[in-house]
Protein backbone atom coordinates (compact mmCIF):
# COMPACT_ATOMS: atom_id res chain seq x y z
CA MET A 1 31.91 1.73 16.51
CA GLN A 2 31.99 5.43 15.66
CA PHE A 3 30.83 7.60 12.77
CA THR A 4 29.82 11.16 11.89
CA ILE A 5 27.00 11.86 9.43
CA ASN A 6 24.77 14.54 8.01
CA ARG A 7 21.73 14.51 10.27
CA GLN A 8 19.06 14.99 7.58
CA ALA A 9 20.41 12.11 5.49
CA PHE A 10 20.44 9.96 8.61
CA ILE A 11 16.86 10.93 9.52
CA LYS A 12 15.62 9.89 6.05
CA ALA A 13 17.26 6.48 6.45
CA LEU A 14 15.81 6.11 9.95
CA ASN A 15 12.33 7.02 8.70
CA ASP A 16 12.58 4.48 5.88
CA VAL A 17 13.54 1.51 8.06
CA SER A 18 11.14 2.56 10.83
CA ARG A 19 8.22 1.75 8.49
CA ALA A 20 8.89 -1.92 9.24
CA ILE A 21 9.01 -1.51 13.02
CA SER A 22 6.00 -2.12 15.25
CA SER A 23 5.63 -1.55 18.98
CA ARG A 24 3.34 -4.61 19.03
CA THR A 25 5.77 -7.50 18.67
CA THR A 26 6.46 -10.70 20.55
CA ILE A 27 10.20 -10.27 19.88
CA PRO A 28 11.36 -7.32 22.03
CA ILE A 29 14.55 -6.62 20.08
CA LEU A 30 12.45 -5.89 16.97
CA THR A 31 11.40 -2.60 18.58
CA ASN A 32 15.04 -1.60 17.92
CA ILE A 33 16.85 -0.39 14.81
CA LYS A 34 19.89 -2.40 13.85
CA LEU A 35 22.99 -0.39 12.85
CA VAL A 36 26.04 -2.06 11.30
CA LEU A 37 29.07 -0.04 10.18
CA ASN A 38 31.82 -1.49 8.00
CA ASP A 39 34.74 0.14 6.22
CA GLU A 40 32.58 1.38 3.32
CA GLU A 41 29.00 1.96 4.49
CA LEU A 42 26.42 2.22 7.26
CA ILE A 43 23.59 -0.33 7.10
CA LEU A 44 20.30 0.24 8.96
CA THR A 45 17.65 -2.48 9.41
CA GLY A 46 14.11 -2.46 10.77
CA SER A 47 11.78 -5.45 10.99
CA ASN A 48 8.52 -6.68 12.50
CA ALA A 49 9.09 -10.32 11.41
CA ASP A 50 6.55 -9.94 8.57
CA ILE A 51 8.36 -7.16 6.70
CA SER A 52 11.96 -6.01 6.93
CA ILE A 53 13.58 -2.91 5.44
CA GLU A 54 17.33 -2.50 5.03
CA THR A 55 18.85 0.74 3.78
CA THR A 56 22.51 1.49 3.09
CA ILE A 57 24.34 4.79 3.36
CA PRO A 58 27.65 4.46 1.47
CA GLN A 59 30.66 6.57 2.31
CA SER A 60 30.73 7.55 -1.37
CA ASP A 61 27.40 9.41 -1.01
CA THR A 62 28.62 13.01 -0.71
CA SER A 63 25.24 14.30 0.54
CA ALA A 64 25.36 11.98 3.57
CA GLN A 65 28.85 13.16 4.57
CA LEU A 66 29.49 9.82 6.30
CA VAL A 67 32.86 9.68 8.06
CA ILE A 68 33.74 6.21 9.38
CA THR A 69 36.04 6.17 12.40
CA GLN A 70 35.57 2.63 13.71
CA PRO A 71 33.37 -0.19 12.32
CA GLY A 72 31.00 -2.10 14.57
CA GLY A 73 27.30 -2.68 15.31
CA ILE A 74 24.50 -2.19 17.82
CA THR A 75 20.68 -2.12 18.03
CA LEU A 76 19.02 0.95 19.56
CA PRO A 77 15.39 1.66 20.62
CA ALA A 78 13.80 2.81 17.36
CA THR A 79 11.33 5.46 18.52
CA PHE A 80 13.52 6.94 21.26
CA PHE A 81 16.66 7.03 19.10
CA THR A 82 14.86 8.55 16.10
CA ASN A 83 13.23 11.25 18.25
CA ILE A 84 16.63 12.18 19.66
CA VAL A 85 18.21 12.45 16.20
CA LYS A 86 15.34 14.62 14.91
CA ARG A 87 15.78 17.08 17.76
CA LEU A 88 19.56 17.47 17.70
CA PRO A 89 20.70 21.06 17.17
CA ALA A 90 23.45 20.85 14.52
CA ASP A 91 23.59 19.71 10.88
CA LYS A 92 25.96 16.89 11.72
CA MET A 93 25.95 14.29 14.49
CA THR A 94 28.36 11.70 15.85
CA LEU A 95 27.45 8.26 17.19
CA ALA A 96 30.05 6.41 19.29
CA ILE A 97 29.46 2.97 20.78
CA ASP A 98 31.23 1.71 23.90
CA GLY A 99 30.01 -1.77 24.74
CA LEU A 100 26.22 -1.51 24.64
CA ARG A 101 26.06 2.22 25.37
CA ALA A 102 25.63 4.75 22.59
CA ALA A 103 26.91 8.32 22.90
CA ILE A 104 25.14 10.75 20.54
CA THR A 105 26.60 14.24 20.13
CA SER A 106 25.59 17.17 17.95
CA GLY A 107 26.63 20.76 18.56
CA ALA A 108 26.36 21.40 22.31
CA SER A 109 23.97 18.48 22.86
CA ALA A 110 24.99 15.03 24.14
CA PHE A 111 22.89 11.93 24.86
CA THR A 112 23.83 8.52 26.18
CA ILE A 113 21.38 5.62 25.64
CA ASN A 114 21.50 1.88 26.14
CA GLY A 115 21.35 -0.58 23.26
CA GLN A 116 21.40 -4.34 22.71
CA ASP A 117 23.89 -6.71 21.12
CA VAL A 118 23.58 -6.74 17.34
CA GLN A 119 24.14 -10.53 17.36
CA ASN A 120 20.72 -11.01 18.98
CA TYR A 121 18.90 -9.37 16.08
CA PRO A 122 17.20 -11.86 13.71
CA GLN A 123 18.90 -12.39 10.36
CA LEU A 124 17.20 -11.33 7.16
CA PRO A 125 15.59 -14.27 5.32
CA GLU A 126 17.60 -16.29 2.82
CA MET A 127 15.83 -17.13 -0.43
CA GLU A 128 16.00 -20.20 -2.63
CA ASP A 129 14.48 -21.00 -6.07
CA VAL A 130 14.16 -17.31 -6.89
CA GLN A 131 12.37 -15.80 -9.87
CA SER A 132 13.60 -12.28 -10.77
CA LEU A 133 12.21 -9.39 -12.77
CA SER A 134 12.61 -5.63 -13.08
CA VAL A 135 9.53 -3.37 -13.16
CA SER A 136 8.78 0.31 -13.51
CA ALA A 137 8.25 1.91 -10.10
CA ALA A 138 5.37 3.97 -11.57
CA GLN A 139 3.62 0.80 -12.76
CA LEU A 140 4.09 -0.84 -9.37
CA VAL A 141 2.57 2.22 -7.64
CA ASP A 142 -0.33 2.03 -10.11
CA ILE A 143 -0.96 -1.61 -9.26
CA ILE A 144 -0.80 -1.03 -5.49
CA SER A 145 -2.89 2.15 -5.36
CA GLN A 146 -5.67 0.75 -7.56
CA THR A 147 -6.09 -2.54 -5.71
CA LYS A 148 -5.21 -2.09 -2.04
CA ILE A 149 -8.57 -0.42 -1.28
CA SER A 150 -10.44 -3.72 -1.52
CA ALA A 151 -8.08 -5.80 0.62
CA SER A 152 -9.70 -7.00 3.83
CA THR A 153 -8.56 -5.68 7.19
CA GLN A 154 -10.11 -8.62 9.05
CA GLU A 155 -7.57 -11.18 10.23
CA SER A 156 -10.34 -13.79 10.47
CA ARG A 157 -9.66 -14.51 6.76
CA PRO A 158 -5.94 -13.76 6.42
CA ILE A 159 -5.78 -14.67 2.73
CA LEU A 160 -8.09 -11.74 1.87
CA THR A 161 -5.73 -9.24 3.55
CA GLY A 162 -3.33 -9.68 0.65
CA ILE A 163 -2.99 -8.55 -2.97
CA HIS A 164 -3.12 -11.56 -5.29
CA LEU A 165 -0.53 -11.23 -8.06
CA GLN A 166 -0.47 -13.52 -11.07
CA LEU A 167 2.58 -12.95 -13.29
CA THR A 168 2.77 -14.50 -16.74
CA GLY A 169 5.55 -13.42 -19.05
CA ASN A 170 5.53 -9.61 -18.94
CA SER A 171 1.91 -9.33 -17.75
CA VAL A 172 0.73 -9.00 -14.15
CA LYS A 173 -2.82 -9.34 -12.86
CA ALA A 174 -3.52 -7.95 -9.39
CA VAL A 175 -6.76 -8.66 -7.52
CA THR A 176 -8.10 -7.89 -4.05
CA THR A 177 -11.47 -8.57 -2.43
CA ASP A 178 -12.92 -8.33 1.06
CA SER A 179 -16.09 -10.17 -0.08
CA HIS A 180 -18.02 -6.88 -0.28
CA ARG A 181 -16.01 -5.34 -3.12
CA LEU A 182 -13.28 -6.27 -5.59
CA SER A 183 -10.47 -4.42 -7.35
CA GLN A 184 -8.66 -5.70 -10.42
CA ARG A 185 -5.72 -4.23 -12.35
CA ILE A 186 -4.03 -5.92 -15.30
CA VAL A 187 -0.77 -4.33 -16.53
CA THR A 188 1.69 -5.16 -19.31
CA LEU A 189 5.08 -4.43 -17.79
CA THR A 190 7.29 -2.01 -19.69
CA GLY A 191 11.06 -2.11 -20.07
CA THR A 192 11.39 -5.75 -19.08
CA ASP A 193 11.94 -8.97 -21.03
CA ALA A 194 11.50 -11.20 -17.99
CA ASP A 195 9.61 -14.41 -18.55
CA VAL A 196 8.20 -14.95 -15.08
CA ASP A 197 5.48 -17.41 -14.15
CA ALA A 198 4.42 -16.81 -10.54
CA ASP A 199 1.29 -16.76 -8.38
CA VAL A 200 1.82 -14.98 -5.05
CA ILE A 201 -0.22 -13.20 -2.37
CA ILE A 202 1.54 -10.23 -0.77
CA PRO A 203 0.07 -8.62 2.38
CA ALA A 204 -1.61 -5.33 1.47
CA LYS A 205 -0.09 -3.73 4.58
CA ALA A 206 3.38 -4.58 3.26
CA PHE A 207 2.55 -3.14 -0.17
CA ASN A 208 1.26 0.02 1.51
CA GLU A 209 4.63 0.55 3.21
CA LEU A 210 6.46 -0.27 -0.02
CA GLN A 211 4.42 2.32 -1.91
CA SER A 212 5.73 5.00 0.45
CA LEU A 213 9.31 4.05 -0.47
CA LEU A 214 8.75 4.08 -4.25
CA GLU A 215 8.57 7.86 -4.60
CA GLY A 216 11.41 9.13 -6.76
CA GLN A 217 12.39 5.63 -7.91
CA ASP A 218 12.71 4.66 -11.58
CA ARG A 219 12.80 0.87 -11.54
CA VAL A 220 12.46 -1.84 -8.93
CA ASP A 221 14.16 -5.24 -9.01
CA ILE A 222 11.91 -7.97 -7.59
CA LYS A 223 12.82 -11.45 -6.40
CA LEU A 224 10.07 -13.96 -5.68
CA ALA A 225 10.52 -17.20 -3.75
CA ALA A 226 8.19 -19.74 -2.15
CA ASN A 227 7.46 -17.68 0.96
CA GLN A 228 9.25 -14.34 0.49
CA ALA A 229 9.34 -11.39 -1.89
CA VAL A 230 12.21 -8.91 -2.03
CA PHE A 231 12.06 -5.48 -3.67
CA ASN A 232 15.38 -3.76 -4.36
CA LEU A 233 15.17 0.04 -4.63
CA GLY A 234 18.81 0.98 -5.03
CA HIS A 235 20.17 1.62 -1.52
CA THR A 236 17.00 0.27 0.12
CA THR A 237 15.81 -3.35 0.15
CA PHE A 238 12.29 -4.32 1.20
CA TYR A 239 11.49 -7.87 2.37
CA THR A 240 8.01 -9.25 2.94
CA ARG A 241 6.63 -12.67 3.72
CA LEU A 242 4.00 -14.09 1.39
CA LEU A 243 0.57 -15.22 2.55
CA GLU A 244 0.03 -18.97 2.32
CA GLY A 245 -3.10 -20.53 0.86
CA ASN A 246 -5.27 -20.39 -2.24
CA TYR A 247 -6.84 -17.06 -3.16
CA PRO A 248 -10.55 -17.28 -4.11
CA GLU A 249 -11.40 -17.63 -7.79
CA THR A 250 -12.51 -14.07 -8.52
CA ASP A 251 -13.09 -14.14 -12.30
CA ARG A 252 -16.51 -15.79 -11.80
CA LEU A 253 -17.61 -12.84 -9.63
CA ILE A 254 -17.25 -10.34 -12.48
CA PRO A 255 -20.45 -9.96 -14.57
CA THR A 256 -20.08 -10.59 -18.29
CA GLU A 257 -23.17 -8.60 -19.31
CA SER A 258 -25.35 -5.78 -18.01
CA THR A 259 -28.97 -4.62 -18.29
CA THR A 260 -28.42 -0.99 -17.20
CA ALA A 261 -25.44 1.31 -17.69
CA ILE A 262 -24.51 4.90 -16.93
CA THR A 263 -21.48 6.86 -18.14
CA ILE A 264 -20.47 9.79 -15.95
CA GLU A 265 -17.42 11.76 -14.91
CA ALA A 266 -15.87 10.09 -11.86
CA SER A 267 -15.35 13.47 -10.19
CA ALA A 268 -19.03 14.43 -10.62
CA LEU A 269 -20.29 11.15 -9.14
CA LEU A 270 -17.69 11.38 -6.36
CA GLY A 271 -18.90 14.84 -5.40
CA ALA A 272 -22.53 13.74 -5.31
CA ILE A 273 -21.70 10.71 -3.18
CA ASP A 274 -19.68 12.90 -0.81
CA ARG A 275 -22.75 15.07 -0.31
CA ALA A 276 -25.16 12.14 0.04
CA SER A 277 -22.90 10.41 2.57
CA LEU A 278 -23.12 13.43 4.85
CA LEU A 279 -26.57 12.13 5.74
CA SER A 280 -25.99 8.38 5.25
CA HIS A 281 -23.19 8.51 7.81
CA GLU A 282 -25.73 9.76 10.34
CA SER A 283 -27.95 6.72 9.83
CA ARG A 284 -27.37 3.27 11.23
CA ASN A 285 -26.91 1.42 7.94
CA ASN A 286 -24.82 3.99 5.94
CA VAL A 287 -26.55 3.43 2.60
CA VAL A 288 -27.30 5.68 -0.37
CA GLN A 289 -29.69 4.91 -3.22
CA LEU A 290 -29.23 5.44 -6.96
CA SER A 291 -32.35 5.60 -9.11
CA LEU A 292 -32.13 5.30 -12.92
CA LYS A 293 -35.54 6.02 -14.41
CA ASN A 294 -36.79 7.63 -17.61
CA GLY A 295 -33.29 8.66 -18.67
CA ALA A 296 -32.52 10.44 -15.38
CA ALA A 297 -30.12 9.46 -12.59
CA VAL A 298 -30.96 10.54 -9.02
CA LEU A 299 -28.85 9.90 -5.94
CA THR A 300 -30.53 9.93 -2.52
CA GLY A 301 -29.20 9.86 1.03
CA ASN A 302 -31.46 9.45 4.05
CA SER A 303 -31.21 9.73 7.79
CA GLN A 304 -34.35 9.40 9.87
CA GLU A 305 -32.74 11.53 12.57
CA VAL A 306 -31.38 14.32 10.32
CA GLY A 307 -33.17 14.45 6.97
CA GLN A 308 -32.72 13.69 3.27
CA VAL A 309 -30.56 14.78 0.34
CA LYS A 310 -31.54 14.19 -3.27
CA GLU A 311 -29.40 15.14 -6.29
CA GLU A 312 -29.86 14.60 -10.02
CA LEU A 313 -26.63 13.47 -11.65
CA GLY A 314 -25.30 15.00 -14.85
CA ALA A 315 -24.68 11.70 -16.62
CA GLN A 316 -23.25 11.59 -20.14
CA THR A 317 -25.36 8.56 -21.12
CA ILE A 318 -27.95 6.32 -19.41
CA ASP A 319 -28.93 3.08 -21.15
CA GLY A 320 -31.06 0.03 -20.42
CA ASP A 321 -33.71 -0.91 -17.90
CA ASP A 322 -34.90 1.29 -15.05
CA LEU A 323 -33.20 0.43 -11.77
CA GLU A 324 -33.10 1.36 -8.11
CA ILE A 325 -30.04 0.13 -6.21
CA SER A 326 -28.59 0.81 -2.75
CA PHE A 327 -24.93 0.65 -1.78
CA ASN A 328 -22.33 1.67 0.78
CA PRO A 329 -21.14 5.13 -0.36
CA ASP A 330 -17.68 4.69 1.15
CA TYR A 331 -16.97 1.68 -1.07
CA VAL A 332 -18.01 3.55 -4.23
CA ARG A 333 -16.10 6.65 -3.17
CA ASP A 334 -12.88 4.62 -2.73
CA ALA A 335 -13.42 3.04 -6.14
CA LEU A 336 -14.03 6.38 -7.90
CA ARG A 337 -10.82 7.90 -6.55
CA VAL A 338 -8.88 5.24 -8.44
CA PHE A 339 -10.03 6.69 -11.77
CA ASN A 340 -8.42 10.11 -11.21
CA GLY A 341 -11.36 12.15 -12.52
CA LYS A 342 -11.83 10.23 -15.81
CA SER A 343 -15.24 9.27 -17.13
CA VAL A 344 -16.42 5.87 -15.94
CA ASP A 345 -18.91 3.27 -17.10
CA VAL A 346 -21.04 1.94 -14.23
CA LYS A 347 -22.81 -1.28 -15.28
CA PHE A 348 -25.62 -3.08 -13.45
CA THR A 349 -27.40 -6.43 -13.89
CA SER A 350 -29.97 -6.12 -11.08
CA ASN A 351 -30.46 -4.34 -7.78
CA LEU A 352 -29.13 -7.38 -5.86
CA ARG A 353 -26.15 -8.27 -8.06
CA PRO A 354 -22.66 -6.69 -7.91
CA PHE A 355 -22.07 -3.76 -10.25
CA THR A 356 -18.83 -2.68 -11.92
CA LEU A 357 -16.96 0.56 -12.54
CA THR A 358 -14.49 0.70 -15.45
CA PRO A 359 -12.91 3.49 -17.54
CA ALA A 360 -15.45 4.75 -20.09
CA GLY A 361 -15.34 2.79 -23.33
CA GLU A 362 -13.01 0.05 -22.08
CA THR A 363 -14.27 -3.54 -22.06
CA ASP A 364 -11.15 -5.55 -21.22
CA ASN A 365 -11.51 -5.30 -17.41
CA LYS A 366 -7.85 -4.25 -17.06
CA GLN A 367 -8.97 -1.56 -14.61
CA LEU A 368 -12.08 -2.66 -12.75
CA GLN A 369 -13.83 -2.00 -9.46
CA LEU A 370 -16.75 -4.18 -8.33
CA ILE A 371 -19.19 -3.32 -5.54
CA THR A 372 -21.81 -5.54 -3.89
CA PRO A 373 -25.10 -3.65 -3.32
CA VAL A 374 -26.94 -3.48 0.00
CA ARG A 375 -30.32 -5.15 0.40
CA THR A 376 -32.69 -2.58 1.89
CA PHE A 377 -35.93 -4.56 2.06
């Protein structure tokens, strides 16, 4: 196996597939990158058994300047190999394989490293009973970024570490919850006539890595099977396993009415919470309090060791009963960032019941964040 390639194009491909590689794996060869060269293209693969990323560099891609001398394949230590390639001195590099030894040359620099047989690398999953659809990359980024914040990071309840997707026709409903907060996004897909009926749970960690690959993409082709999802992004294909089990019924958690409501610019509330959390982070319970009384909204942060901050909020409207409620400021801060500075409606039913944040004036819950308050007495 031997080829010459533009080093920057090769580094981008290495970075893309390396997103799937973990140093913590029970399968040692998965710490390697798989390289396969045929007469037309170079194929790179990275995997951690849960997600796999395969990217192709065709000889026809003039920017990659791929020159194929001899087809073949090998797997090479991902971190070590990538670090070498990034530090080579010239714009082009050559990789030549003799047995299981790789010779890397660029300018006056030459490395020799040991690899492993490509035949020992696990095969990418085969899929049966596939449902297919094409979606806008921008809409997929919107779904991921607005819901991943509420996915659990605790493996004790694996099902909650995923994003629950319900696809019906050209509509998709995405929900996450870690039992303390909930995010929901409902989107009507554009530019597709797919009639898909699917209910899947995709690990939020996988979606986070996929989001990084979506930049600059126009559309994404998706294939869904019983235990796998595949996202095709042109020359890069992203594979992820699905989580097994039944996701909790979340619709019943969302209040259908409210007794108190405030409309405020998300950026203004975010700034106030940032300031209040400077003190709440110094206390043991990390809680801030919002008081809605006599048409005024006041946010308070306390730390017995440090002091107190109190700030009156410039709300656009305040309606309903007086209320004092405490909450984790980090949860609300994450939720507010989703709204990109728009005005939001924050609706409450009581100081012990979850409250919701939605875009101002919208009542369809297509973009919703729900936070469970903290009991402070």
